[in-house]
Amino acid sequence: MSTRSNAQTADSTPRPARSAAPAHRARATRCTEALRDIAEDCTVVSEALLLTAYNAASPNTELLQRLVSLRDLADEAIAVVVVRQRAQGEPLADLAPILELTEDRLRKKYVPPSVDRALAARRRPKPVTSAQSAAAAADTPILRRPGQRLACALTLMRNGSGRRQREIAEQMGVHESYVSRMLSGQRDVSWRHVRIICDVCGVDPELMKPLWEAAANVQPSNTEDPVQYLRTYLQGLHYALGSPDPELILAAAQRTISADDLDRAMTGPGVPDWPVIERLTVLLQSLPNITRPLWRRAQAAAESAPTATAS
């Protein structure tokens, strides 16, 4: 009898959250990535809502559709947060008061396999394609475009090496004018040609690889270390800008980033927060929409293996 009493007492004692099993850890990781996607999607829809709201001729039906889309995204995000809470082994009691639901209701409403299937099938909203956003894209300075950043880097490389365009053209087996158009950004450059230019000029082509992949719209390989890839991309942008001294970059930043932020972004350790990378991207004459997915990959890698990315 006393044994039964002891068991009941033990069962009623609050227990700390248990560490998640491997399958649950994987689900928690998927939920974290999904939350980041949904947060970015909210930004896309919010931008569309803002443009619609400022257009006096916009019908109420269009405004309502934007609002419904935002509501749906919020509902998706709530489901993901609840499932992540369970996958992390944390109590639903922490979330129940915020959502004004009971733990039992949360458990029944947000079933992990159902949320998994919904995430696998979800479609992300497309960015705004209004006349305003199209005009903004057209106003993007040419020098910030990825093809021009690569062209600037290759031109500086050639100038710094003292090699002539004729020498590069001979190695490529093309006319000198062909090389001239590549270096000016008037002609797309293949990876083979980038390697030849680097070899002739005595520069490691790996420094140019992220710049070229951004210009060619090539996704980074899964074999690449995401943290090092982000650093190399930033180093390539720095090279394309003429390798300015850190003091000049910090002065241009007007104290929005620190010397430590700059060092961590370029050489580590770790991965700085997005505002630092975003500001540095702009300072190095590139576009945040190119750097952001690289930062996300690096941040995810740093979170999953912090000891491997500490150096």
C-alpha atoms as a PDB file:
ATOM      1  CA  MET A   1       0.000   0.000   0.000  1.00  0.00           C
ATOM      2  CA  SER A   2       2.835   2.333   0.889  1.00  0.00           C
ATOM      3  CA  THR A   3       4.477   1.510  -2.432  1.00  0.00           C
ATOM      4  CA  ARG A   4       1.377   2.635  -4.320  1.00  0.00           C
ATOM      5  CA  SER A   5       1.224   5.788  -2.243  1.00  0.00           C
ATOM      6  CA  ASN A   6       4.856   6.576  -3.021  1.00  0.00           C
ATOM      7  CA  ALA A   7       4.273   6.044  -6.732  1.00  0.00           C
ATOM      8  CA  GLN A   8       1.309   8.395  -6.707  1.00  0.00           C
ATOM      9  CA  THR A   9       3.359  11.011  -4.876  1.00  0.00           C
ATOM     10  CA  ALA A  10       6.183  10.695  -7.372  1.00  0.00           C
ATOM     11  CA  ASP A  11       3.780  10.994 -10.326  1.00  0.00           C
ATOM     12  CA  SER A  12       2.296  14.187  -8.946  1.00  0.00           C
ATOM     13  CA  THR A  13       5.690  15.833  -8.489  1.00  0.00           C
ATOM     14  CA  PRO A  14       6.492  18.377 -11.251  1.00  0.00           C
ATOM     15  CA  ARG A  15       9.211  17.120 -13.536  1.00  0.00           C
ATOM     16  CA  PRO A  16      11.690  19.174 -15.503  1.00  0.00           C
ATOM     17  CA  ALA A  17      11.395  19.170 -19.284  1.00  0.00           C
ATOM     18  CA  ARG A  18      13.083  16.146 -20.763  1.00  0.00           C
ATOM     19  CA  SER A  19      15.689  16.507 -23.472  1.00  0.00           C
ATOM     20  CA  ALA A  20      14.160  15.872 -26.872  1.00  0.00           C
ATOM     21  CA  ALA A  21      14.771  12.605 -28.689  1.00  0.00           C
ATOM     22  CA  PRO A  22      16.694  12.810 -32.001  1.00  0.00           C
ATOM     23  CA  ALA A  23      13.475  12.704 -34.056  1.00  0.00           C
ATOM     24  CA  HIS A  24      12.016  15.502 -31.943  1.00  0.00           C
ATOM     25  CA  ARG A  25      15.208  17.549 -32.253  1.00  0.00           C
ATOM     26  CA  ALA A  26      14.952  17.248 -36.024  1.00  0.00           C
ATOM     27  CA  ARG A  27      11.342  18.420 -35.868  1.00  0.00           C
ATOM     28  CA  ALA A  28      12.341  21.356 -33.657  1.00  0.00           C
ATOM     29  CA  THR A  29      15.002  22.341 -36.195  1.00  0.00           C
ATOM     30  CA  ARG A  30      12.472  22.154 -39.052  1.00  0.00           C
ATOM     31  CA  CYS A  31      10.089  24.295 -37.040  1.00  0.00           C
ATOM     32  CA  THR A  32      12.771  26.908 -36.445  1.00  0.00           C
ATOM     33  CA  GLU A  33      13.492  27.141 -40.179  1.00  0.00           C
ATOM     34  CA  ALA A  34       9.756  27.278 -40.928  1.00  0.00           C
ATOM     35  CA  LEU A  35       9.314  30.130 -38.451  1.00  0.00           C
ATOM     36  CA  ARG A  36      12.034  32.095 -40.207  1.00  0.00           C
ATOM     37  CA  ASP A  37      10.367  31.477 -43.567  1.00  0.00           C
ATOM     38  CA  ILE A  38       6.992  32.583 -42.209  1.00  0.00           C
ATOM     39  CA  ALA A  39       8.515  35.695 -40.634  1.00  0.00           C
ATOM     40  CA  GLU A  40       9.984  36.653 -44.013  1.00  0.00           C
ATOM     41  CA  ASP A  41       6.647  35.883 -45.681  1.00  0.00           C
ATOM     42  CA  CYS A  42       4.943  38.246 -43.232  1.00  0.00           C
ATOM     43  CA  THR A  43       7.319  40.957 -44.418  1.00  0.00           C
ATOM     44  CA  VAL A  44       6.411  40.277 -48.055  1.00  0.00           C
ATOM     45  CA  VAL A  45       2.671  40.414 -47.374  1.00  0.00           C
ATOM     46  CA  SER A  46       3.048  43.450 -45.098  1.00  0.00           C
ATOM     47  CA  GLU A  47       4.857  45.296 -47.873  1.00  0.00           C
ATOM     48  CA  ALA A  48       2.010  44.470 -50.236  1.00  0.00           C
ATOM     49  CA  LEU A  49      -0.509  45.650 -47.628  1.00  0.00           C
ATOM     50  CA  LEU A  50       1.389  48.908 -47.151  1.00  0.00           C
ATOM     51  CA  LEU A  51       1.453  49.622 -50.876  1.00  0.00           C
ATOM     52  CA  THR A  52      -2.238  48.770 -51.168  1.00  0.00           C
ATOM     53  CA  ALA A  53      -3.183  50.934 -48.183  1.00  0.00           C
ATOM     54  CA  TYR A  54      -1.354  53.952 -49.610  1.00  0.00           C
ATOM     55  CA  ASN A  55      -3.125  53.597 -52.946  1.00  0.00           C
ATOM     56  CA  ALA A  56      -6.398  55.494 -52.528  1.00  0.00           C
ATOM     57  CA  ALA A  57      -7.894  53.607 -55.463  1.00  0.00           C
ATOM     58  CA  SER A  58      -7.320  50.175 -53.910  1.00  0.00           C
ATOM     59  CA  PRO A  59     -10.607  48.301 -53.408  1.00  0.00           C
ATOM     60  CA  ASN A  60     -11.502  47.089 -49.929  1.00  0.00           C
ATOM     61  CA  THR A  61     -11.543  43.536 -51.238  1.00  0.00           C
ATOM     62  CA  GLU A  62      -7.822  43.755 -52.012  1.00  0.00           C
ATOM     63  CA  LEU A  63      -7.064  45.232 -48.596  1.00  0.00           C
ATOM     64  CA  LEU A  64      -9.036  42.484 -46.903  1.00  0.00           C
ATOM     65  CA  GLN A  65      -7.228  39.814 -48.901  1.00  0.00           C
ATOM     66  CA  ARG A  66      -3.882  41.151 -47.679  1.00  0.00           C
ATOM     67  CA  LEU A  67      -5.145  41.134 -44.097  1.00  0.00           C
ATOM     68  CA  VAL A  68      -6.474  37.596 -44.410  1.00  0.00           C
ATOM     69  CA  SER A  69      -3.107  36.494 -45.786  1.00  0.00           C
ATOM     70  CA  LEU A  70      -1.384  38.003 -42.751  1.00  0.00           C
ATOM     71  CA  ARG A  71      -3.860  36.294 -40.438  1.00  0.00           C
ATOM     72  CA  ASP A  72      -3.235  32.950 -42.136  1.00  0.00           C
ATOM     73  CA  LEU A  73       0.519  33.404 -41.754  1.00  0.00           C
ATOM     74  CA  ALA A  74       0.071  34.205 -38.062  1.00  0.00           C
ATOM     75  CA  ASP A  75      -2.041  31.059 -37.630  1.00  0.00           C
ATOM     76  CA  GLU A  76       0.658  29.007 -39.355  1.00  0.00           C
ATOM     77  CA  ALA A  77       3.331  30.486 -37.134  1.00  0.00           C
ATOM     78  CA  ILE A  78       1.332  29.771 -33.968  1.00  0.00           C
ATOM     79  CA  ALA A  79       0.948  26.129 -34.984  1.00  0.00           C
ATOM     80  CA  VAL A  80       4.685  25.863 -35.600  1.00  0.00           C
ATOM     81  CA  VAL A  81       5.536  27.468 -32.255  1.00  0.00           C
ATOM     82  CA  VAL A  82       3.283  25.030 -30.388  1.00  0.00           C
ATOM     83  CA  VAL A  83       4.776  22.024 -32.166  1.00  0.00           C
ATOM     84  CA  ARG A  84       8.298  23.311 -31.585  1.00  0.00           C
ATOM     85  CA  GLN A  85       7.516  23.716 -27.887  1.00  0.00           C
ATOM     86  CA  ARG A  86       6.538  20.042 -27.724  1.00  0.00           C
ATOM     87  CA  ALA A  87       9.506  18.926 -29.835  1.00  0.00           C
ATOM     88  CA  GLN A  88      11.869  20.774 -27.497  1.00  0.00           C
ATOM     89  CA  GLY A  89      10.371  18.946 -24.527  1.00  0.00           C
ATOM     90  CA  GLU A  90       8.960  22.134 -23.024  1.00  0.00           C
ATOM     91  CA  PRO A  91       5.552  22.245 -21.275  1.00  0.00           C
ATOM     92  CA  LEU A  92       2.512  23.473 -23.181  1.00  0.00           C
ATOM     93  CA  ALA A  93       1.424  25.113 -19.943  1.00  0.00           C
ATOM     94  CA  ASP A  94       3.801  27.964 -20.806  1.00  0.00           C
ATOM     95  CA  LEU A  95       1.889  28.724 -24.022  1.00  0.00           C
ATOM     96  CA  ALA A  96      -1.697  28.010 -22.965  1.00  0.00           C
ATOM     97  CA  PRO A  97      -2.350  31.323 -21.137  1.00  0.00           C
ATOM     98  CA  ILE A  98      -0.998  33.374 -24.038  1.00  0.00           C
ATOM     99  CA  LEU A  99      -3.333  31.670 -26.518  1.00  0.00           C
ATOM    100  CA  GLU A 100      -6.179  31.527 -23.967  1.00  0.00           C
ATOM    101  CA  LEU A 101      -6.554  27.788 -24.545  1.00  0.00           C
ATOM    102  CA  THR A 102      -6.163  24.783 -22.291  1.00  0.00           C
ATOM    103  CA  GLU A 103      -3.179  22.470 -22.607  1.00  0.00           C
ATOM    104  CA  ASP A 104      -5.484  19.690 -23.777  1.00  0.00           C
ATOM    105  CA  ARG A 105      -6.939  21.938 -26.471  1.00  0.00           C
ATOM    106  CA  LEU A 106      -3.460  22.909 -27.667  1.00  0.00           C
ATOM    107  CA  ARG A 107      -2.438  19.267 -27.820  1.00  0.00           C
ATOM    108  CA  LYS A 108      -5.494  18.322 -29.892  1.00  0.00           C
ATOM    109  CA  LYS A 109      -5.527  21.393 -32.127  1.00  0.00           C
ATOM    110  CA  TYR A 110      -1.865  21.320 -33.133  1.00  0.00           C
ATOM    111  CA  VAL A 111      -0.950  17.711 -33.873  1.00  0.00           C
ATOM    112  CA  PRO A 112       2.741  17.480 -34.895  1.00  0.00           C
ATOM    113  CA  PRO A 113       2.303  15.144 -37.929  1.00  0.00           C
ATOM    114  CA  SER A 114      -0.499  17.357 -39.257  1.00  0.00           C
ATOM    115  CA  VAL A 115       1.625  20.481 -38.890  1.00  0.00           C
ATOM    116  CA  ASP A 116       4.536  18.657 -40.563  1.00  0.00           C
ATOM    117  CA  ARG A 117       2.342  17.875 -43.582  1.00  0.00           C
ATOM    118  CA  ALA A 118       1.045  21.434 -43.747  1.00  0.00           C
ATOM    119  CA  LEU A 119       4.583  22.821 -43.749  1.00  0.00           C
ATOM    120  CA  ALA A 120       5.671  20.406 -46.465  1.00  0.00           C
ATOM    121  CA  ALA A 121       2.782  21.521 -48.678  1.00  0.00           C
ATOM    122  CA  ARG A 122       2.847  25.271 -48.001  1.00  0.00           C
ATOM    123  CA  ARG A 123       3.593  27.767 -50.741  1.00  0.00           C
ATOM    124  CA  ARG A 124       5.410  30.946 -49.998  1.00  0.00           C
ATOM    125  CA  PRO A 125       3.938  34.259 -51.205  1.00  0.00           C
ATOM    126  CA  LYS A 126       5.642  35.991 -54.084  1.00  0.00           C
ATOM    127  CA  PRO A 127       7.209  39.417 -53.549  1.00  0.00           C
ATOM    128  CA  VAL A 128       5.181  42.457 -54.542  1.00  0.00           C
ATOM    129  CA  THR A 129       5.171  43.079 -58.288  1.00  0.00           C
ATOM    130  CA  SER A 130       3.485  46.465 -58.245  1.00  0.00           C
ATOM    131  CA  ALA A 131       4.619  49.439 -60.291  1.00  0.00           C
ATOM    132  CA  GLN A 132       6.220  50.912 -57.161  1.00  0.00           C
ATOM    133  CA  SER A 133       8.363  47.866 -56.425  1.00  0.00           C
ATOM    134  CA  ALA A 134       9.293  47.470 -60.088  1.00  0.00           C
ATOM    135  CA  ALA A 135      10.430  51.074 -60.158  1.00  0.00           C
ATOM    136  CA  ALA A 136      12.457  50.521 -56.998  1.00  0.00           C
ATOM    137  CA  ALA A 137      14.202  47.536 -58.584  1.00  0.00           C
ATOM    138  CA  ALA A 138      14.959  49.583 -61.685  1.00  0.00           C
ATOM    139  CA  ASP A 139      16.483  52.271 -59.474  1.00  0.00           C
ATOM    140  CA  THR A 140      18.949  49.820 -57.895  1.00  0.00           C
ATOM    141  CA  PRO A 141      22.418  51.185 -58.688  1.00  0.00           C
ATOM    142  CA  ILE A 142      24.100  49.078 -61.352  1.00  0.00           C
ATOM    143  CA  LEU A 143      27.292  48.791 -59.317  1.00  0.00           C
ATOM    144  CA  ARG A 144      25.413  46.965 -56.545  1.00  0.00           C
ATOM    145  CA  ARG A 145      24.245  44.202 -58.859  1.00  0.00           C
ATOM    146  CA  PRO A 146      26.102  40.890 -58.452  1.00  0.00           C
ATOM    147  CA  GLY A 147      27.467  40.819 -61.997  1.00  0.00           C
ATOM    148  CA  GLN A 148      29.038  44.222 -61.503  1.00  0.00           C
ATOM    149  CA  ARG A 149      30.563  43.278 -58.146  1.00  0.00           C
ATOM    150  CA  LEU A 150      32.261  40.339 -59.847  1.00  0.00           C
ATOM    151  CA  ALA A 151      33.378  42.526 -62.760  1.00  0.00           C
ATOM    152  CA  CYS A 152      34.850  45.102 -60.349  1.00  0.00           C
ATOM    153  CA  ALA A 153      36.744  42.376 -58.496  1.00  0.00           C
ATOM    154  CA  LEU A 154      38.172  40.902 -61.698  1.00  0.00           C
ATOM    155  CA  THR A 155      39.137  44.335 -63.022  1.00  0.00           C
ATOM    156  CA  LEU A 156      40.955  45.226 -59.800  1.00  0.00           C
ATOM    157  CA  MET A 157      42.632  41.840 -59.892  1.00  0.00           C
ATOM    158  CA  ARG A 158      43.892  42.370 -63.432  1.00  0.00           C
ATOM    159  CA  ASN A 159      45.036  45.929 -62.720  1.00  0.00           C
ATOM    160  CA  GLY A 160      46.822  44.909 -59.533  1.00  0.00           C
ATOM    161  CA  SER A 161      48.658  42.043 -61.199  1.00  0.00           C
ATOM    162  CA  GLY A 162      50.039  44.171 -64.017  1.00  0.00           C
ATOM    163  CA  ARG A 163      48.979  41.521 -66.545  1.00  0.00           C
ATOM    164  CA  ARG A 164      47.564  42.616 -69.878  1.00  0.00           C
ATOM    165  CA  GLN A 165      44.152  41.735 -71.228  1.00  0.00           C
ATOM    166  CA  ARG A 166      45.936  40.199 -74.219  1.00  0.00           C
ATOM    167  CA  GLU A 167      47.622  37.632 -71.958  1.00  0.00           C
ATOM    168  CA  ILE A 168      44.292  36.653 -70.433  1.00  0.00           C
ATOM    169  CA  ALA A 169      42.680  36.445 -73.871  1.00  0.00           C
ATOM    170  CA  GLU A 170      45.437  34.135 -75.087  1.00  0.00           C
ATOM    171  CA  GLN A 171      44.887  31.793 -72.147  1.00  0.00           C
ATOM    172  CA  MET A 172      41.151  31.760 -72.862  1.00  0.00           C
ATOM    173  CA  GLY A 173      41.539  31.414 -76.607  1.00  0.00           C
ATOM    174  CA  VAL A 174      39.324  34.439 -77.266  1.00  0.00           C
ATOM    175  CA  HIS A 175      39.702  37.942 -78.696  1.00  0.00           C
ATOM    176  CA  GLU A 176      40.974  40.685 -76.400  1.00  0.00           C
ATOM    177  CA  SER A 177      37.720  42.635 -76.810  1.00  0.00           C
ATOM    178  CA  TYR A 178      35.865  39.644 -75.342  1.00  0.00           C
ATOM    179  CA  VAL A 179      37.929  39.944 -72.163  1.00  0.00           C
ATOM    180  CA  SER A 180      37.353  43.693 -72.093  1.00  0.00           C
ATOM    181  CA  ARG A 181      33.578  43.204 -72.114  1.00  0.00           C
ATOM    182  CA  MET A 182      33.812  40.619 -69.327  1.00  0.00           C
ATOM    183  CA  LEU A 183      35.877  42.926 -67.130  1.00  0.00           C
ATOM    184  CA  SER A 184      33.473  45.812 -67.709  1.00  0.00           C
ATOM    185  CA  GLY A 185      30.451  43.699 -66.785  1.00  0.00           C
ATOM    186  CA  GLN A 186      28.978  43.873 -70.278  1.00  0.00           C
ATOM    187  CA  ARG A 187      29.294  40.125 -70.759  1.00  0.00           C
ATOM    188  CA  ASP A 188      28.587  37.221 -68.406  1.00  0.00           C
ATOM    189  CA  VAL A 189      31.656  35.357 -67.191  1.00  0.00           C
ATOM    190  CA  SER A 190      31.808  31.573 -66.935  1.00  0.00           C
ATOM    191  CA  TRP A 191      33.470  29.913 -63.948  1.00  0.00           C
ATOM    192  CA  ARG A 192      36.139  28.561 -66.287  1.00  0.00           C
ATOM    193  CA  HIS A 193      37.000  32.094 -67.372  1.00  0.00           C
ATOM    194  CA  VAL A 194      37.038  33.330 -63.771  1.00  0.00           C
ATOM    195  CA  ARG A 195      39.545  30.610 -62.918  1.00  0.00           C
ATOM    196  CA  ILE A 196      41.745  31.552 -65.870  1.00  0.00           C
ATOM    197  CA  ILE A 197      41.769  35.223 -64.864  1.00  0.00           C
ATOM    198  CA  CYS A 198      42.645  34.252 -61.293  1.00  0.00           C
ATOM    199  CA  ASP A 199      45.406  31.907 -62.436  1.00  0.00           C
ATOM    200  CA  VAL A 200      46.949  34.520 -64.724  1.00  0.00           C
ATOM    201  CA  CYS A 201      46.777  37.177 -61.999  1.00  0.00           C
ATOM    202  CA  GLY A 202      47.971  34.902 -59.195  1.00  0.00           C
ATOM    203  CA  VAL A 203      44.828  35.073 -57.027  1.00  0.00           C
ATOM    204  CA  ASP A 204      43.078  32.137 -55.351  1.00  0.00           C
ATOM    205  CA  PRO A 205      39.884  31.546 -57.394  1.00  0.00           C
ATOM    206  CA  GLU A 206      38.037  30.383 -54.258  1.00  0.00           C
ATOM    207  CA  LEU A 207      37.888  34.031 -53.183  1.00  0.00           C
ATOM    208  CA  MET A 208      35.839  34.781 -56.303  1.00  0.00           C
ATOM    209  CA  LYS A 209      33.585  31.725 -56.179  1.00  0.00           C
ATOM    210  CA  PRO A 210      30.756  33.182 -54.038  1.00  0.00           C
ATOM    211  CA  LEU A 211      30.800  36.384 -56.110  1.00  0.00           C
ATOM    212  CA  TRP A 212      30.550  34.372 -59.313  1.00  0.00           C
ATOM    213  CA  GLU A 213      27.788  32.132 -57.963  1.00  0.00           C
ATOM    214  CA  ALA A 214      25.772  35.200 -56.945  1.00  0.00           C
ATOM    215  CA  ALA A 215      26.259  36.700 -60.417  1.00  0.00           C
ATOM    216  CA  ALA A 216      25.360  33.436 -62.157  1.00  0.00           C
ATOM    217  CA  ASN A 217      22.440  32.738 -59.789  1.00  0.00           C
ATOM    218  CA  VAL A 218      24.031  29.439 -58.758  1.00  0.00           C
ATOM    219  CA  GLN A 219      23.073  28.044 -55.360  1.00  0.00           C
ATOM    220  CA  PRO A 220      25.951  27.208 -52.989  1.00  0.00           C
ATOM    221  CA  SER A 221      26.870  23.542 -52.851  1.00  0.00           C
ATOM    222  CA  ASN A 222      25.790  21.524 -49.814  1.00  0.00           C
ATOM    223  CA  THR A 223      29.435  20.544 -49.394  1.00  0.00           C
ATOM    224  CA  GLU A 224      30.405  24.162 -48.692  1.00  0.00           C
ATOM    225  CA  ASP A 225      30.768  25.244 -45.062  1.00  0.00           C
ATOM    226  CA  PRO A 226      27.969  27.854 -44.818  1.00  0.00           C
ATOM    227  CA  VAL A 227      29.809  29.962 -42.243  1.00  0.00           C
ATOM    228  CA  GLN A 228      33.019  30.118 -44.260  1.00  0.00           C
ATOM    229  CA  TYR A 229      31.024  30.691 -47.459  1.00  0.00           C
ATOM    230  CA  LEU A 230      29.406  33.811 -45.975  1.00  0.00           C
ATOM    231  CA  ARG A 231      32.792  35.100 -44.841  1.00  0.00           C
ATOM    232  CA  THR A 232      34.318  34.458 -48.261  1.00  0.00           C
ATOM    233  CA  TYR A 233      31.447  36.280 -49.964  1.00  0.00           C
ATOM    234  CA  LEU A 234      31.992  39.308 -47.733  1.00  0.00           C
ATOM    235  CA  GLN A 235      35.745  39.106 -48.314  1.00  0.00           C
ATOM    236  CA  GLY A 236      35.086  39.031 -52.062  1.00  0.00           C
ATOM    237  CA  LEU A 237      32.901  42.138 -51.785  1.00  0.00           C
ATOM    238  CA  HIS A 238      35.651  43.810 -49.772  1.00  0.00           C
ATOM    239  CA  TYR A 239      38.162  42.930 -52.501  1.00  0.00           C
ATOM    240  CA  ALA A 240      35.821  44.245 -55.221  1.00  0.00           C
ATOM    241  CA  LEU A 241      35.627  47.570 -53.386  1.00  0.00           C
ATOM    242  CA  GLY A 242      39.395  47.941 -53.461  1.00  0.00           C
ATOM    243  CA  SER A 243      40.122  46.360 -50.054  1.00  0.00           C
ATOM    244  CA  PRO A 244      39.469  49.514 -47.992  1.00  0.00           C
ATOM    245  CA  ASP A 245      41.024  49.725 -44.522  1.00  0.00           C
ATOM    246  CA  PRO A 246      38.756  48.784 -41.600  1.00  0.00           C
ATOM    247  CA  GLU A 247      38.876  52.390 -40.370  1.00  0.00           C
ATOM    248  CA  LEU A 248      37.298  53.594 -43.618  1.00  0.00           C
ATOM    249  CA  ILE A 249      34.515  51.005 -43.405  1.00  0.00           C
ATOM    250  CA  LEU A 250      33.764  51.882 -39.784  1.00  0.00           C
ATOM    251  CA  ALA A 251      33.750  55.590 -40.609  1.00  0.00           C
ATOM    252  CA  ALA A 252      31.300  54.965 -43.450  1.00  0.00           C
ATOM    253  CA  ALA A 253      29.152  52.914 -41.069  1.00  0.00           C
ATOM    254  CA  GLN A 254      28.844  55.960 -38.784  1.00  0.00           C
ATOM    255  CA  ARG A 255      29.222  53.779 -35.684  1.00  0.00           C
ATOM    256  CA  THR A 256      26.335  51.477 -36.616  1.00  0.00           C
ATOM    257  CA  ILE A 257      28.773  48.557 -36.429  1.00  0.00           C
ATOM    258  CA  SER A 258      31.847  48.084 -34.253  1.00  0.00           C
ATOM    259  CA  ALA A 259      35.368  46.941 -35.075  1.00  0.00           C
ATOM    260  CA  ASP A 260      34.544  43.651 -33.355  1.00  0.00           C
ATOM    261  CA  ASP A 261      31.431  43.261 -35.534  1.00  0.00           C
ATOM    262  CA  LEU A 262      33.545  43.800 -38.632  1.00  0.00           C
ATOM    263  CA  ASP A 263      36.200  41.298 -37.556  1.00  0.00           C
ATOM    264  CA  ARG A 264      33.620  38.622 -36.709  1.00  0.00           C
ATOM    265  CA  ALA A 265      31.811  39.082 -40.016  1.00  0.00           C
ATOM    266  CA  MET A 266      34.968  38.843 -42.102  1.00  0.00           C
ATOM    267  CA  THR A 267      37.021  36.254 -40.228  1.00  0.00           C
ATOM    268  CA  GLY A 268      35.025  34.988 -37.239  1.00  0.00           C
ATOM    269  CA  PRO A 269      34.556  33.638 -34.720  1.00  0.00           C
ATOM    270  CA  GLY A 270      30.899  32.815 -35.133  1.00  0.00           C
ATOM    271  CA  VAL A 271      28.268  34.637 -37.160  1.00  0.00           C
ATOM    272  CA  PRO A 272      27.129  38.186 -36.284  1.00  0.00           C
ATOM    273  CA  ASP A 273      23.437  39.048 -36.081  1.00  0.00           C
ATOM    274  CA  TRP A 274      21.615  39.999 -39.275  1.00  0.00           C
ATOM    275  CA  PRO A 275      21.627  43.801 -38.715  1.00  0.00           C
ATOM    276  CA  VAL A 276      25.435  43.723 -38.742  1.00  0.00           C
ATOM    277  CA  ILE A 277      25.598  41.639 -41.927  1.00  0.00           C
ATOM    278  CA  GLU A 278      22.924  43.758 -43.582  1.00  0.00           C
ATOM    279  CA  ARG A 279      24.753  46.994 -42.810  1.00  0.00           C
ATOM    280  CA  LEU A 280      28.075  45.577 -43.947  1.00  0.00           C
ATOM    281  CA  THR A 281      26.486  44.313 -47.168  1.00  0.00           C
ATOM    282  CA  VAL A 282      25.296  47.818 -48.005  1.00  0.00           C
ATOM    283  CA  LEU A 283      28.658  49.340 -47.094  1.00  0.00           C
ATOM    284  CA  LEU A 284      30.400  46.865 -49.408  1.00  0.00           C
ATOM    285  CA  GLN A 285      28.128  47.890 -52.298  1.00  0.00           C
ATOM    286  CA  SER A 286      26.027  44.733 -52.492  1.00  0.00           C
ATOM    287  CA  LEU A 287      22.350  43.900 -51.924  1.00  0.00           C
ATOM    288  CA  PRO A 288      20.897  42.497 -48.670  1.00  0.00           C
ATOM    289  CA  ASN A 289      18.535  40.174 -50.549  1.00  0.00           C
ATOM    290  CA  ILE A 290      21.624  38.333 -51.838  1.00  0.00           C
ATOM    291  CA  THR A 291      23.369  38.128 -48.487  1.00  0.00           C
ATOM    292  CA  ARG A 292      20.344  37.225 -46.369  1.00  0.00           C
ATOM    293  CA  PRO A 293      19.980  33.571 -47.504  1.00  0.00           C
ATOM    294  CA  LEU A 294      23.734  33.120 -47.074  1.00  0.00           C
ATOM    295  CA  TRP A 295      23.471  34.498 -43.546  1.00  0.00           C
ATOM    296  CA  ARG A 296      20.530  32.237 -42.775  1.00  0.00           C
ATOM    297  CA  ARG A 297      22.474  29.152 -43.842  1.00  0.00           C
ATOM    298  CA  ALA A 298      25.470  30.263 -41.813  1.00  0.00           C
ATOM    299  CA  GLN A 299      23.356  31.051 -38.760  1.00  0.00           C
ATOM    300  CA  ALA A 300      21.640  27.654 -38.917  1.00  0.00           C
ATOM    301  CA  ALA A 301      25.001  25.898 -39.215  1.00  0.00           C
ATOM    302  CA  ALA A 302      26.407  27.866 -36.290  1.00  0.00           C
ATOM    303  CA  GLU A 303      23.393  27.004 -34.144  1.00  0.00           C
ATOM    304  CA  SER A 304      23.584  23.285 -34.892  1.00  0.00           C
ATOM    305  CA  ALA A 305      27.360  22.967 -34.497  1.00  0.00           C
ATOM    306  CA  PRO A 306      28.659  25.924 -32.465  1.00  0.00           C
ATOM    307  CA  THR A 307      32.023  24.351 -31.673  1.00  0.00           C
ATOM    308  CA  ALA A 308      32.735  23.733 -35.350  1.00  0.00           C
ATOM    309  CA  THR A 309      32.101  27.366 -36.263  1.00  0.00           C
ATOM    310  CA  ALA A 310      33.844  29.031 -33.362  1.00  0.00           C
ATOM    311  CA  SER A 311      37.081  29.606 -35.262  1.00  0.00           C
END
